[in-house]
Amino acid sequence: MATEIKIGEKEIRLRATPLALLYYKQEFGSDLLGDLIKMQDVAQDVSKIDTVACLQFIWAMNKADNYGKPFPSFEKWLVELGSIDFSDPSFLVAALEEGADGFLGGRNRAAPPGRIGK
């Protein structure tokens, strides 16, 4: 299963798999799951959001969805995104939900609305 989000005018598919964990560790030197768990407080206090960390999650899950295809570095990927409207956090919420579902055991449930298969 994968999730599709829209950032600006760009459609991005995300896949929370062990491969995303590897890509995140290789690129950022940190553990994606540990960083995702740190973000849980954001629901109670939006000032705790780390937008760069969110974009890193998205990059790793997008790269995992594109396994076997050429994929840009994080910096180049950001450049390709263009402008990002953080006043509409729906793409961040969807990305965090994909991560929580994929890495914290939610995959055994029926796919929620907005999920697409591959």
N, C-alpha and C. Protein backbone atom coordinates (compact mmCIF):
# COMPACT_ATOMS: atom_id res chain seq x y z
N MET A 1 0.84 -1.18 0.00
CA MET A 1 0.00 0.00 0.00
C MET A 1 0.88 1.24 0.00
N ALA A 2 0.40 2.27 -0.59
CA ALA A 2 1.11 3.54 -0.62
C ALA A 2 0.09 4.66 -0.41
N THR A 3 0.60 5.80 -0.05
CA THR A 3 -0.22 6.98 0.12
C THR A 3 0.23 8.00 -0.91
N GLU A 4 -0.71 8.70 -1.49
CA GLU A 4 -0.38 9.77 -2.43
C GLU A 4 -0.72 11.10 -1.78
N ILE A 5 0.25 12.02 -1.82
CA ILE A 5 0.04 13.36 -1.29
C ILE A 5 0.36 14.37 -2.37
N LYS A 6 -0.08 15.60 -2.16
CA LYS A 6 0.22 16.66 -3.10
C LYS A 6 0.94 17.77 -2.33
N ILE A 7 2.12 18.12 -2.82
CA ILE A 7 2.89 19.24 -2.27
C ILE A 7 3.01 20.25 -3.39
N GLY A 8 2.41 21.39 -3.21
CA GLY A 8 2.36 22.37 -4.29
C GLY A 8 1.61 21.76 -5.46
N GLU A 9 2.24 21.70 -6.60
CA GLU A 9 1.62 21.11 -7.78
C GLU A 9 2.13 19.69 -8.05
N LYS A 10 2.93 19.17 -7.16
CA LYS A 10 3.56 17.87 -7.38
C LYS A 10 2.87 16.76 -6.59
N GLU A 11 2.51 15.68 -7.30
CA GLU A 11 1.93 14.48 -6.68
C GLU A 11 3.10 13.58 -6.26
N ILE A 12 3.04 13.12 -5.00
CA ILE A 12 4.14 12.31 -4.46
C ILE A 12 3.54 11.07 -3.80
N ARG A 13 4.09 9.93 -4.16
CA ARG A 13 3.66 8.66 -3.55
C ARG A 13 4.63 8.29 -2.43
N LEU A 14 4.05 7.84 -1.32
CA LEU A 14 4.84 7.47 -0.15
C LEU A 14 4.61 6.01 0.19
N ARG A 15 5.67 5.35 0.61
CA ARG A 15 5.56 3.95 1.03
C ARG A 15 6.40 3.76 2.29
N ALA A 16 5.73 3.48 3.40
CA ALA A 16 6.42 3.26 4.67
C ALA A 16 6.85 1.80 4.75
N THR A 17 8.08 1.54 4.35
CA THR A 17 8.62 0.18 4.32
C THR A 17 10.00 0.19 4.99
N PRO A 18 10.53 -0.99 5.28
CA PRO A 18 11.89 -1.04 5.83
C PRO A 18 12.92 -0.34 4.93
N LEU A 19 12.67 -0.33 3.64
CA LEU A 19 13.57 0.36 2.73
C LEU A 19 13.62 1.86 3.01
N ALA A 20 12.48 2.45 3.36
CA ALA A 20 12.44 3.87 3.74
C ALA A 20 13.28 4.10 4.99
N LEU A 21 13.24 3.16 5.94
CA LEU A 21 14.06 3.28 7.15
C LEU A 21 15.54 3.31 6.80
N LEU A 22 15.95 2.44 5.88
CA LEU A 22 17.35 2.40 5.43
C LEU A 22 17.74 3.69 4.74
N TYR A 23 16.93 4.14 3.80
CA TYR A 23 17.25 5.37 3.07
C TYR A 23 17.38 6.57 4.02
N TYR A 24 16.48 6.65 4.98
CA TYR A 24 16.51 7.75 5.95
C TYR A 24 17.82 7.71 6.75
N LYS A 25 18.17 6.54 7.24
CA LYS A 25 19.41 6.38 8.03
C LYS A 25 20.63 6.74 7.19
N GLN A 26 20.67 6.25 5.95
CA GLN A 26 21.81 6.53 5.07
C GLN A 26 21.94 8.02 4.77
N GLU A 27 20.83 8.69 4.53
CA GLU A 27 20.87 10.09 4.11
C GLU A 27 21.04 11.06 5.29
N PHE A 28 20.40 10.75 6.43
CA PHE A 28 20.35 11.72 7.52
C PHE A 28 21.06 11.28 8.80
N GLY A 29 21.54 10.04 8.83
CA GLY A 29 22.30 9.56 9.99
C GLY A 29 21.47 9.42 11.26
N SER A 30 20.17 9.31 11.11
CA SER A 30 19.27 9.22 12.25
C SER A 30 18.25 8.14 11.96
N ASP A 31 17.54 7.71 12.99
CA ASP A 31 16.53 6.67 12.82
C ASP A 31 15.16 7.29 12.54
N LEU A 32 14.56 6.92 11.43
CA LEU A 32 13.27 7.49 11.04
C LEU A 32 12.21 7.22 12.09
N LEU A 33 12.12 6.00 12.58
CA LEU A 33 11.09 5.66 13.55
C LEU A 33 11.27 6.45 14.84
N GLY A 34 12.50 6.57 15.31
CA GLY A 34 12.77 7.37 16.51
C GLY A 34 12.38 8.82 16.31
N ASP A 35 12.70 9.36 15.15
CA ASP A 35 12.34 10.75 14.87
C ASP A 35 10.83 10.92 14.71
N LEU A 36 10.18 9.91 14.13
CA LEU A 36 8.72 9.96 13.98
C LEU A 36 8.04 9.96 15.35
N ILE A 37 8.53 9.15 16.26
CA ILE A 37 7.95 9.08 17.61
C ILE A 37 8.11 10.42 18.33
N LYS A 38 9.24 11.09 18.11
CA LYS A 38 9.45 12.41 18.72
C LYS A 38 8.41 13.42 18.24
N MET A 39 7.84 13.20 17.05
CA MET A 39 6.88 14.13 16.47
C MET A 39 5.46 13.94 17.03
N GLN A 40 5.23 12.94 17.85
CA GLN A 40 3.89 12.67 18.35
C GLN A 40 3.31 13.83 19.14
N ASP A 41 4.14 14.63 19.79
CA ASP A 41 3.65 15.76 20.59
C ASP A 41 3.10 16.90 19.74
N VAL A 42 3.34 16.86 18.44
CA VAL A 42 2.91 17.94 17.56
C VAL A 42 1.38 18.10 17.58
N ALA A 43 0.66 17.00 17.74
CA ALA A 43 -0.80 17.08 17.76
C ALA A 43 -1.29 17.97 18.90
N GLN A 44 -0.58 17.96 20.02
CA GLN A 44 -0.96 18.78 21.15
C GLN A 44 -0.37 20.18 21.08
N ASP A 45 0.78 20.32 20.46
CA ASP A 45 1.47 21.61 20.41
C ASP A 45 2.14 21.78 19.05
N VAL A 46 1.45 22.48 18.15
CA VAL A 46 1.93 22.66 16.77
C VAL A 46 3.29 23.37 16.71
N SER A 47 3.66 24.10 17.74
CA SER A 47 4.95 24.79 17.72
C SER A 47 6.12 23.81 17.79
N LYS A 48 5.86 22.56 18.08
CA LYS A 48 6.92 21.54 18.16
C LYS A 48 7.21 20.88 16.82
N ILE A 49 6.52 21.31 15.78
CA ILE A 49 6.73 20.68 14.47
C ILE A 49 8.11 21.03 13.93
N ASP A 50 8.74 20.04 13.34
CA ASP A 50 10.03 20.21 12.68
C ASP A 50 9.77 19.97 11.20
N THR A 51 9.58 21.04 10.45
CA THR A 51 9.18 20.91 9.04
C THR A 51 10.25 20.20 8.21
N VAL A 52 11.51 20.44 8.51
CA VAL A 52 12.58 19.76 7.76
C VAL A 52 12.52 18.26 8.03
N ALA A 53 12.33 17.87 9.30
CA ALA A 53 12.22 16.44 9.62
C ALA A 53 11.04 15.82 8.88
N CYS A 54 9.91 16.52 8.81
CA CYS A 54 8.75 16.01 8.07
C CYS A 54 9.10 15.81 6.60
N LEU A 55 9.78 16.76 6.02
CA LEU A 55 10.17 16.62 4.62
C LEU A 55 11.17 15.48 4.44
N GLN A 56 12.01 15.25 5.44
CA GLN A 56 12.93 14.11 5.37
C GLN A 56 12.16 12.79 5.38
N PHE A 57 11.13 12.68 6.25
CA PHE A 57 10.28 11.48 6.26
C PHE A 57 9.68 11.26 4.88
N ILE A 58 9.13 12.34 4.34
CA ILE A 58 8.46 12.25 3.05
C ILE A 58 9.45 11.82 1.97
N TRP A 59 10.64 12.41 1.97
CA TRP A 59 11.67 12.05 0.98
C TRP A 59 11.99 10.56 1.05
N ALA A 60 12.23 10.05 2.26
CA ALA A 60 12.62 8.64 2.41
C ALA A 60 11.50 7.71 1.95
N MET A 61 10.25 8.04 2.30
CA MET A 61 9.13 7.20 1.89
C MET A 61 8.85 7.32 0.40
N ASN A 62 9.10 8.49 -0.18
CA ASN A 62 8.96 8.68 -1.62
C ASN A 62 10.04 7.89 -2.37
N LYS A 63 11.25 7.92 -1.83
CA LYS A 63 12.35 7.15 -2.45
C LYS A 63 12.05 5.66 -2.38
N ALA A 64 11.50 5.20 -1.25
CA ALA A 64 11.15 3.78 -1.12
C ALA A 64 10.09 3.38 -2.15
N ASP A 65 9.17 4.27 -2.43
CA ASP A 65 8.14 3.98 -3.43
C ASP A 65 8.72 3.93 -4.83
N ASN A 66 9.87 4.55 -5.02
CA ASN A 66 10.52 4.59 -6.33
C ASN A 66 11.71 3.66 -6.41
N TYR A 67 11.69 2.59 -5.63
CA TYR A 67 12.80 1.63 -5.60
C TYR A 67 13.20 1.19 -7.00
N GLY A 68 14.49 1.19 -7.24
CA GLY A 68 15.02 0.73 -8.52
C GLY A 68 15.09 1.80 -9.59
N LYS A 69 14.57 2.98 -9.30
CA LYS A 69 14.59 4.08 -10.26
C LYS A 69 15.58 5.15 -9.77
N PRO A 70 16.19 5.90 -10.68
CA PRO A 70 17.06 7.00 -10.23
C PRO A 70 16.25 7.95 -9.35
N PHE A 71 16.87 8.40 -8.25
CA PHE A 71 16.17 9.27 -7.32
C PHE A 71 17.12 10.35 -6.83
N PRO A 72 16.66 11.60 -6.72
CA PRO A 72 17.55 12.70 -6.34
C PRO A 72 17.91 12.69 -4.85
N SER A 73 19.01 13.36 -4.55
CA SER A 73 19.38 13.57 -3.15
C SER A 73 18.29 14.42 -2.50
N PHE A 74 18.30 14.49 -1.19
CA PHE A 74 17.29 15.27 -0.47
C PHE A 74 17.29 16.72 -0.93
N GLU A 75 18.46 17.31 -1.02
CA GLU A 75 18.55 18.73 -1.41
C GLU A 75 17.99 18.96 -2.81
N LYS A 76 18.35 18.11 -3.74
CA LYS A 76 17.85 18.28 -5.11
C LYS A 76 16.33 18.03 -5.16
N TRP A 77 15.87 17.07 -4.39
CA TRP A 77 14.43 16.77 -4.31
C TRP A 77 13.66 17.99 -3.81
N LEU A 78 14.22 18.68 -2.79
CA LEU A 78 13.58 19.90 -2.28
C LEU A 78 13.49 20.97 -3.36
N VAL A 79 14.56 21.12 -4.11
CA VAL A 79 14.57 22.11 -5.19
C VAL A 79 13.48 21.79 -6.21
N GLU A 80 13.33 20.51 -6.52
CA GLU A 80 12.33 20.08 -7.49
C GLU A 80 10.90 20.29 -6.99
N LEU A 81 10.71 20.32 -5.66
CA LEU A 81 9.37 20.55 -5.12
C LEU A 81 8.87 21.96 -5.38
N GLY A 82 9.80 22.91 -5.42
CA GLY A 82 9.39 24.31 -5.58
C GLY A 82 8.88 24.84 -4.27
N SER A 83 7.84 25.66 -4.31
CA SER A 83 7.32 26.26 -3.09
C SER A 83 6.39 25.29 -2.36
N ILE A 84 6.36 25.42 -1.03
CA ILE A 84 5.53 24.56 -0.19
C ILE A 84 4.65 25.45 0.68
N ASP A 85 3.37 25.16 0.68
CA ASP A 85 2.42 25.93 1.49
C ASP A 85 2.17 25.20 2.80
N PHE A 86 2.87 25.64 3.85
CA PHE A 86 2.72 25.00 5.15
C PHE A 86 1.45 25.45 5.88
N SER A 87 0.71 26.41 5.31
CA SER A 87 -0.56 26.79 5.93
C SER A 87 -1.62 25.71 5.71
N ASP A 88 -1.38 24.81 4.75
CA ASP A 88 -2.25 23.66 4.52
C ASP A 88 -1.47 22.42 4.92
N PRO A 89 -1.61 21.99 6.17
CA PRO A 89 -0.79 20.88 6.66
C PRO A 89 -1.29 19.50 6.26
N SER A 90 -2.26 19.42 5.36
CA SER A 90 -2.85 18.12 5.01
C SER A 90 -1.80 17.14 4.49
N PHE A 91 -0.82 17.61 3.73
CA PHE A 91 0.19 16.71 3.21
C PHE A 91 1.09 16.19 4.34
N LEU A 92 1.35 17.04 5.36
CA LEU A 92 2.15 16.59 6.50
C LEU A 92 1.40 15.55 7.31
N VAL A 93 0.12 15.79 7.54
CA VAL A 93 -0.70 14.85 8.29
C VAL A 93 -0.74 13.50 7.57
N ALA A 94 -0.97 13.52 6.26
CA ALA A 94 -1.03 12.28 5.49
C ALA A 94 0.30 11.54 5.53
N ALA A 95 1.41 12.27 5.46
CA ALA A 95 2.73 11.64 5.51
C ALA A 95 2.99 11.02 6.87
N LEU A 96 2.65 11.73 7.94
CA LEU A 96 2.84 11.19 9.28
C LEU A 96 1.94 9.98 9.52
N GLU A 97 0.72 10.02 8.97
CA GLU A 97 -0.18 8.87 9.09
C GLU A 97 0.38 7.66 8.35
N GLU A 98 0.94 7.88 7.16
CA GLU A 98 1.55 6.78 6.41
C GLU A 98 2.69 6.18 7.23
N GLY A 99 3.52 7.02 7.81
CA GLY A 99 4.62 6.53 8.64
C GLY A 99 4.11 5.76 9.85
N ALA A 100 3.14 6.30 10.55
CA ALA A 100 2.59 5.63 11.73
C ALA A 100 1.94 4.30 11.34
N ASP A 101 1.17 4.30 10.26
CA ASP A 101 0.51 3.07 9.82
C ASP A 101 1.54 2.01 9.40
N GLY A 102 2.54 2.44 8.65
CA GLY A 102 3.51 1.49 8.12
C GLY A 102 4.53 1.01 9.13
N PHE A 103 4.95 1.88 10.02
CA PHE A 103 6.03 1.53 10.94
C PHE A 103 5.55 1.16 12.34
N LEU A 104 4.32 1.50 12.68
CA LEU A 104 3.84 1.25 14.04
C LEU A 104 2.66 0.29 14.06
N GLY A 105 2.57 -0.57 13.06
CA GLY A 105 1.62 -1.66 13.11
C GLY A 105 0.24 -1.44 12.55
N GLY A 106 -0.02 -0.35 11.87
CA GLY A 106 -1.36 -0.10 11.36
C GLY A 106 -1.68 -0.82 10.07
N ARG A 107 -0.74 -1.54 9.47
CA ARG A 107 -0.97 -2.17 8.17
C ARG A 107 -1.93 -3.35 8.22
N ASN A 108 -2.19 -3.89 9.38
CA ASN A 108 -3.08 -5.04 9.47
C ASN A 108 -4.55 -4.64 9.42
N ARG A 109 -4.84 -3.37 9.55
CA ARG A 109 -6.21 -2.88 9.46
C ARG A 109 -6.58 -2.67 7.99
N ALA A 110 -7.86 -2.49 7.75
CA ALA A 110 -8.30 -2.15 6.40
C ALA A 110 -7.70 -0.80 6.03
N ALA A 111 -7.39 -0.61 4.77
CA ALA A 111 -6.79 0.64 4.32
C ALA A 111 -7.77 1.79 4.49
N PRO A 112 -7.34 2.89 5.15
CA PRO A 112 -8.22 4.03 5.31
C PRO A 112 -8.43 4.75 3.98
N PRO A 113 -9.46 5.60 3.90
CA PRO A 113 -9.70 6.36 2.67
C PRO A 113 -8.45 7.12 2.25
N GLY A 114 -8.23 7.21 0.95
CA GLY A 114 -7.07 7.94 0.43
C GLY A 114 -5.90 7.03 0.15
N ARG A 115 -5.95 5.78 0.58
CA ARG A 115 -4.87 4.84 0.32
C ARG A 115 -5.02 4.29 -1.09
N ILE A 116 -3.89 4.03 -1.70
CA ILE A 116 -3.91 3.45 -3.03
C ILE A 116 -2.96 2.26 -3.03
N GLY A 117 -3.25 1.27 -3.77
CA GLY A 117 -2.37 0.10 -3.85
C GLY A 117 -1.44 0.19 -5.03
N LYS A 118 -0.42 -0.63 -4.97
CA LYS A 118 0.53 -0.67 -6.08
C LYS A 118 0.77 -2.11 -6.45
